Amino acid sequence: MPAKKFINQKDLAEIINSKKDFNLGKKQIEKIIKVLTDVITEQLKAGKTVKITSFGAFIPKTRYARGGVNPRSPQERIKIPTVKITKFKTGKKLKDALKG
């Protein structure tokens, strides 16, 4: 069986639980992860940057409306609406760790 190329929330909770002795169950750690992602999402929706020192920063950005071409019918021009997106800027410690 091939190794998974990603980990999900349950896998992450299991890894955290095995690394440190928090005296918490896997379900409690999953709840903490959910609250963390909810708080980050709320702050990004409010237009605030969320910075986790040495890990990185989640930065809200606006991709403005622009014209485009329909890939199914290249002669047809379409309007692409404004959307909010999130950029992630890697922190130094994480960047150095990924370099090896």
N, C-alpha and C. Protein backbone atom coordinates (compact mmCIF):
# COMPACT_ATOMS: atom_id res chain seq x y z
N MET A 1 0.85 -1.18 0.00
CA MET A 1 0.00 0.00 0.00
C MET A 1 0.90 1.25 0.00
N PRO A 2 0.64 2.21 -0.92
CA PRO A 2 1.48 3.42 -0.97
C PRO A 2 1.24 4.32 0.25
N ALA A 3 2.29 5.02 0.64
CA ALA A 3 2.19 5.95 1.78
C ALA A 3 1.32 7.13 1.39
N LYS A 4 0.57 7.65 2.38
CA LYS A 4 -0.28 8.82 2.12
C LYS A 4 0.59 10.05 1.90
N LYS A 5 0.17 10.93 1.01
CA LYS A 5 0.92 12.15 0.73
C LYS A 5 0.44 13.32 1.58
N PHE A 6 -0.49 13.06 2.46
CA PHE A 6 -1.02 14.11 3.33
C PHE A 6 -1.41 13.49 4.66
N ILE A 7 -1.60 14.35 5.65
CA ILE A 7 -2.16 13.88 6.91
C ILE A 7 -3.43 14.66 7.17
N ASN A 8 -4.39 14.02 7.75
CA ASN A 8 -5.64 14.71 8.06
C ASN A 8 -5.65 15.13 9.53
N GLN A 9 -6.74 15.71 9.96
CA GLN A 9 -6.84 16.23 11.33
C GLN A 9 -6.66 15.12 12.37
N LYS A 10 -7.23 13.96 12.12
CA LYS A 10 -7.08 12.84 13.07
C LYS A 10 -5.63 12.38 13.16
N ASP A 11 -4.96 12.30 12.00
CA ASP A 11 -3.55 11.92 11.99
C ASP A 11 -2.72 12.93 12.77
N LEU A 12 -3.00 14.22 12.55
CA LEU A 12 -2.27 15.28 13.23
C LEU A 12 -2.46 15.19 14.74
N ALA A 13 -3.69 14.95 15.17
CA ALA A 13 -3.98 14.82 16.61
C ALA A 13 -3.23 13.63 17.20
N GLU A 14 -3.16 12.54 16.45
CA GLU A 14 -2.45 11.35 16.92
C GLU A 14 -0.94 11.63 17.05
N ILE A 15 -0.38 12.34 16.08
CA ILE A 15 1.05 12.67 16.10
C ILE A 15 1.35 13.59 17.28
N ILE A 16 0.52 14.61 17.49
CA ILE A 16 0.72 15.54 18.60
C ILE A 16 0.63 14.79 19.93
N ASN A 17 -0.35 13.92 20.05
CA ASN A 17 -0.53 13.16 21.28
C ASN A 17 0.67 12.25 21.57
N SER A 18 1.29 11.72 20.53
CA SER A 18 2.44 10.83 20.72
C SER A 18 3.73 11.59 21.01
N LYS A 19 3.82 12.86 20.59
CA LYS A 19 5.04 13.66 20.79
C LYS A 19 5.16 14.20 22.20
N LYS A 20 4.09 14.66 22.77
CA LYS A 20 4.11 15.30 24.09
C LYS A 20 3.07 14.65 24.98
N ASP A 21 3.32 14.66 26.27
CA ASP A 21 2.36 14.11 27.21
C ASP A 21 1.49 15.25 27.74
N PHE A 22 0.38 15.47 27.07
CA PHE A 22 -0.52 16.55 27.47
C PHE A 22 -1.59 16.08 28.44
N ASN A 23 -1.66 14.77 28.67
CA ASN A 23 -2.73 14.18 29.46
C ASN A 23 -4.09 14.52 28.86
N LEU A 24 -4.12 14.61 27.54
CA LEU A 24 -5.36 14.85 26.81
C LEU A 24 -5.60 13.68 25.88
N GLY A 25 -6.86 13.44 25.60
CA GLY A 25 -7.19 12.39 24.64
C GLY A 25 -7.09 12.92 23.23
N LYS A 26 -7.08 11.97 22.28
CA LYS A 26 -7.00 12.34 20.87
C LYS A 26 -8.18 13.23 20.47
N LYS A 27 -9.35 12.95 20.99
CA LYS A 27 -10.56 13.74 20.66
C LYS A 27 -10.40 15.19 21.15
N GLN A 28 -9.81 15.37 22.33
CA GLN A 28 -9.62 16.73 22.86
C GLN A 28 -8.62 17.50 22.00
N ILE A 29 -7.57 16.83 21.56
CA ILE A 29 -6.59 17.48 20.69
C ILE A 29 -7.24 17.84 19.36
N GLU A 30 -8.09 16.97 18.83
CA GLU A 30 -8.82 17.27 17.59
C GLU A 30 -9.68 18.53 17.77
N LYS A 31 -10.32 18.67 18.95
CA LYS A 31 -11.14 19.85 19.22
C LYS A 31 -10.27 21.11 19.26
N ILE A 32 -9.08 21.01 19.85
CA ILE A 32 -8.16 22.15 19.90
C ILE A 32 -7.75 22.55 18.49
N ILE A 33 -7.45 21.56 17.64
CA ILE A 33 -7.07 21.85 16.25
C ILE A 33 -8.23 22.54 15.53
N LYS A 34 -9.45 22.05 15.76
CA LYS A 34 -10.64 22.66 15.12
C LYS A 34 -10.81 24.09 15.56
N VAL A 35 -10.68 24.35 16.87
CA VAL A 35 -10.81 25.73 17.38
C VAL A 35 -9.72 26.62 16.77
N LEU A 36 -8.50 26.11 16.70
CA LEU A 36 -7.40 26.88 16.11
C LEU A 36 -7.71 27.26 14.66
N THR A 37 -8.15 26.29 13.87
CA THR A 37 -8.46 26.60 12.46
C THR A 37 -9.65 27.55 12.35
N ASP A 38 -10.64 27.41 13.24
CA ASP A 38 -11.78 28.33 13.22
C ASP A 38 -11.35 29.76 13.54
N VAL A 39 -10.47 29.92 14.54
CA VAL A 39 -9.99 31.26 14.93
C VAL A 39 -9.17 31.88 13.81
N ILE A 40 -8.29 31.09 13.20
CA ILE A 40 -7.50 31.61 12.08
C ILE A 40 -8.42 32.05 10.95
N THR A 41 -9.42 31.24 10.63
CA THR A 41 -10.38 31.57 9.57
C THR A 41 -11.12 32.87 9.89
N GLU A 42 -11.62 33.01 11.13
CA GLU A 42 -12.34 34.22 11.53
C GLU A 42 -11.47 35.47 11.37
N GLN A 43 -10.21 35.37 11.81
CA GLN A 43 -9.31 36.52 11.74
C GLN A 43 -8.99 36.88 10.29
N LEU A 44 -8.81 35.88 9.44
CA LEU A 44 -8.56 36.15 8.03
C LEU A 44 -9.77 36.79 7.37
N LYS A 45 -10.96 36.32 7.72
CA LYS A 45 -12.19 36.93 7.18
C LYS A 45 -12.31 38.38 7.61
N ALA A 46 -11.79 38.70 8.80
CA ALA A 46 -11.83 40.08 9.30
C ALA A 46 -10.72 40.93 8.70
N GLY A 47 -9.88 40.33 7.84
CA GLY A 47 -8.82 41.07 7.19
C GLY A 47 -7.53 41.16 7.97
N LYS A 48 -7.40 40.35 9.01
CA LYS A 48 -6.20 40.39 9.85
C LYS A 48 -5.22 39.28 9.45
N THR A 49 -3.93 39.59 9.54
CA THR A 49 -2.88 38.60 9.31
C THR A 49 -2.68 37.80 10.58
N VAL A 50 -2.53 36.49 10.44
CA VAL A 50 -2.27 35.62 11.59
C VAL A 50 -0.83 35.13 11.48
N LYS A 51 0.00 35.56 12.43
CA LYS A 51 1.42 35.20 12.40
C LYS A 51 1.73 34.26 13.55
N ILE A 52 2.33 33.13 13.21
CA ILE A 52 2.80 32.17 14.19
C ILE A 52 4.33 32.23 14.12
N THR A 53 4.94 32.82 15.13
CA THR A 53 6.37 33.09 15.13
C THR A 53 7.17 31.85 14.77
N SER A 54 8.11 32.01 13.89
CA SER A 54 9.04 31.01 13.37
C SER A 54 8.38 29.96 12.48
N PHE A 55 7.05 29.93 12.42
CA PHE A 55 6.36 29.00 11.53
C PHE A 55 5.97 29.69 10.24
N GLY A 56 5.23 30.80 10.37
CA GLY A 56 4.82 31.53 9.19
C GLY A 56 3.63 32.42 9.46
N ALA A 57 3.14 33.05 8.39
CA ALA A 57 2.02 33.98 8.52
C ALA A 57 0.98 33.69 7.45
N PHE A 58 -0.28 33.71 7.86
CA PHE A 58 -1.40 33.60 6.95
C PHE A 58 -1.84 35.03 6.66
N ILE A 59 -1.83 35.41 5.39
CA ILE A 59 -2.07 36.80 5.01
C ILE A 59 -3.29 36.86 4.09
N PRO A 60 -4.33 37.63 4.48
CA PRO A 60 -5.50 37.75 3.61
C PRO A 60 -5.19 38.70 2.46
N LYS A 61 -5.61 38.34 1.27
CA LYS A 61 -5.40 39.17 0.08
C LYS A 61 -6.69 39.20 -0.72
N THR A 62 -6.80 40.21 -1.55
CA THR A 62 -7.94 40.30 -2.47
C THR A 62 -7.42 40.16 -3.89
N ARG A 63 -7.97 39.23 -4.62
CA ARG A 63 -7.67 39.10 -6.04
C ARG A 63 -8.79 39.82 -6.77
N TYR A 64 -8.45 40.94 -7.38
CA TYR A 64 -9.45 41.81 -7.98
C TYR A 64 -10.04 41.22 -9.25
N ALA A 65 -11.23 41.72 -9.61
CA ALA A 65 -11.91 41.26 -10.81
C ALA A 65 -11.05 41.55 -12.04
N ARG A 66 -11.13 40.66 -13.00
CA ARG A 66 -10.36 40.84 -14.22
C ARG A 66 -11.03 40.08 -15.35
N GLY A 67 -10.58 40.36 -16.54
CA GLY A 67 -11.10 39.65 -17.70
C GLY A 67 -10.32 38.38 -17.93
N GLY A 68 -10.92 37.44 -18.59
CA GLY A 68 -10.24 36.19 -18.88
C GLY A 68 -10.80 35.57 -20.15
N VAL A 69 -10.33 34.39 -20.45
CA VAL A 69 -10.76 33.67 -21.64
C VAL A 69 -11.34 32.34 -21.19
N ASN A 70 -12.48 31.97 -21.76
CA ASN A 70 -13.10 30.68 -21.47
C ASN A 70 -12.24 29.59 -22.09
N PRO A 71 -11.67 28.68 -21.30
CA PRO A 71 -10.79 27.65 -21.86
C PRO A 71 -11.50 26.68 -22.81
N ARG A 72 -12.81 26.53 -22.66
CA ARG A 72 -13.57 25.62 -23.53
C ARG A 72 -13.87 26.27 -24.87
N SER A 73 -13.90 27.58 -24.87
CA SER A 73 -14.21 28.33 -26.10
C SER A 73 -13.32 29.57 -26.10
N PRO A 74 -12.08 29.46 -26.61
CA PRO A 74 -11.11 30.55 -26.51
C PRO A 74 -11.54 31.89 -27.11
N GLN A 75 -12.53 31.90 -27.97
CA GLN A 75 -13.01 33.16 -28.53
C GLN A 75 -13.88 33.94 -27.54
N GLU A 76 -14.40 33.24 -26.56
CA GLU A 76 -15.32 33.86 -25.60
C GLU A 76 -14.55 34.51 -24.45
N ARG A 77 -14.80 35.78 -24.19
CA ARG A 77 -14.21 36.50 -23.07
C ARG A 77 -15.16 36.35 -21.87
N ILE A 78 -14.58 36.18 -20.68
CA ILE A 78 -15.39 36.09 -19.47
C ILE A 78 -14.87 37.06 -18.43
N LYS A 79 -15.71 37.38 -17.45
CA LYS A 79 -15.30 38.24 -16.36
C LYS A 79 -15.08 37.37 -15.14
N ILE A 80 -13.90 37.48 -14.55
CA ILE A 80 -13.55 36.72 -13.35
C ILE A 80 -13.80 37.66 -12.16
N PRO A 81 -14.66 37.27 -11.22
CA PRO A 81 -15.02 38.17 -10.12
C PRO A 81 -13.91 38.34 -9.08
N THR A 82 -14.05 39.37 -8.25
CA THR A 82 -13.14 39.60 -7.12
C THR A 82 -13.33 38.48 -6.10
N VAL A 83 -12.23 37.96 -5.58
CA VAL A 83 -12.31 36.93 -4.54
C VAL A 83 -11.27 37.21 -3.46
N LYS A 84 -11.57 36.76 -2.24
CA LYS A 84 -10.60 36.85 -1.15
C LYS A 84 -9.82 35.55 -1.13
N ILE A 85 -8.49 35.66 -0.99
CA ILE A 85 -7.63 34.49 -0.94
C ILE A 85 -6.70 34.62 0.26
N THR A 86 -6.02 33.55 0.59
CA THR A 86 -5.04 33.56 1.67
C THR A 86 -3.68 33.19 1.12
N LYS A 87 -2.70 33.97 1.46
CA LYS A 87 -1.31 33.65 1.13
C LYS A 87 -0.66 33.15 2.40
N PHE A 88 0.35 32.31 2.25
CA PHE A 88 1.10 31.84 3.41
C PHE A 88 2.55 32.19 3.18
N LYS A 89 3.12 32.93 4.12
CA LYS A 89 4.53 33.30 4.05
C LYS A 89 5.27 32.46 5.09
N THR A 90 6.21 31.66 4.64
CA THR A 90 6.95 30.75 5.51
C THR A 90 7.87 31.51 6.45
N GLY A 91 7.87 31.12 7.72
CA GLY A 91 8.77 31.70 8.71
C GLY A 91 10.18 31.13 8.55
N LYS A 92 11.16 31.81 9.12
CA LYS A 92 12.56 31.43 8.95
C LYS A 92 12.85 30.02 9.46
N LYS A 93 12.36 29.69 10.63
CA LYS A 93 12.65 28.37 11.21
C LYS A 93 12.10 27.25 10.33
N LEU A 94 10.88 27.41 9.83
CA LEU A 94 10.29 26.41 8.94
C LEU A 94 11.04 26.35 7.62
N LYS A 95 11.38 27.51 7.08
CA LYS A 95 12.11 27.57 5.81
C LYS A 95 13.44 26.83 5.94
N ASP A 96 14.17 27.09 7.04
CA ASP A 96 15.46 26.43 7.26
C ASP A 96 15.28 24.92 7.44
N ALA A 97 14.23 24.50 8.12
CA ALA A 97 13.98 23.08 8.34
C ALA A 97 13.69 22.37 7.02
N LEU A 98 12.98 23.03 6.12
CA LEU A 98 12.64 22.42 4.82
C LEU A 98 13.84 22.37 3.89
N LYS A 99 14.78 23.26 4.07
CA LYS A 99 16.00 23.25 3.25
C LYS A 99 16.87 22.05 3.56
N GLY A 100 16.73 21.55 4.80
CA GLY A 100 17.50 20.36 5.19
C GLY A 100 18.66 20.74 5.95
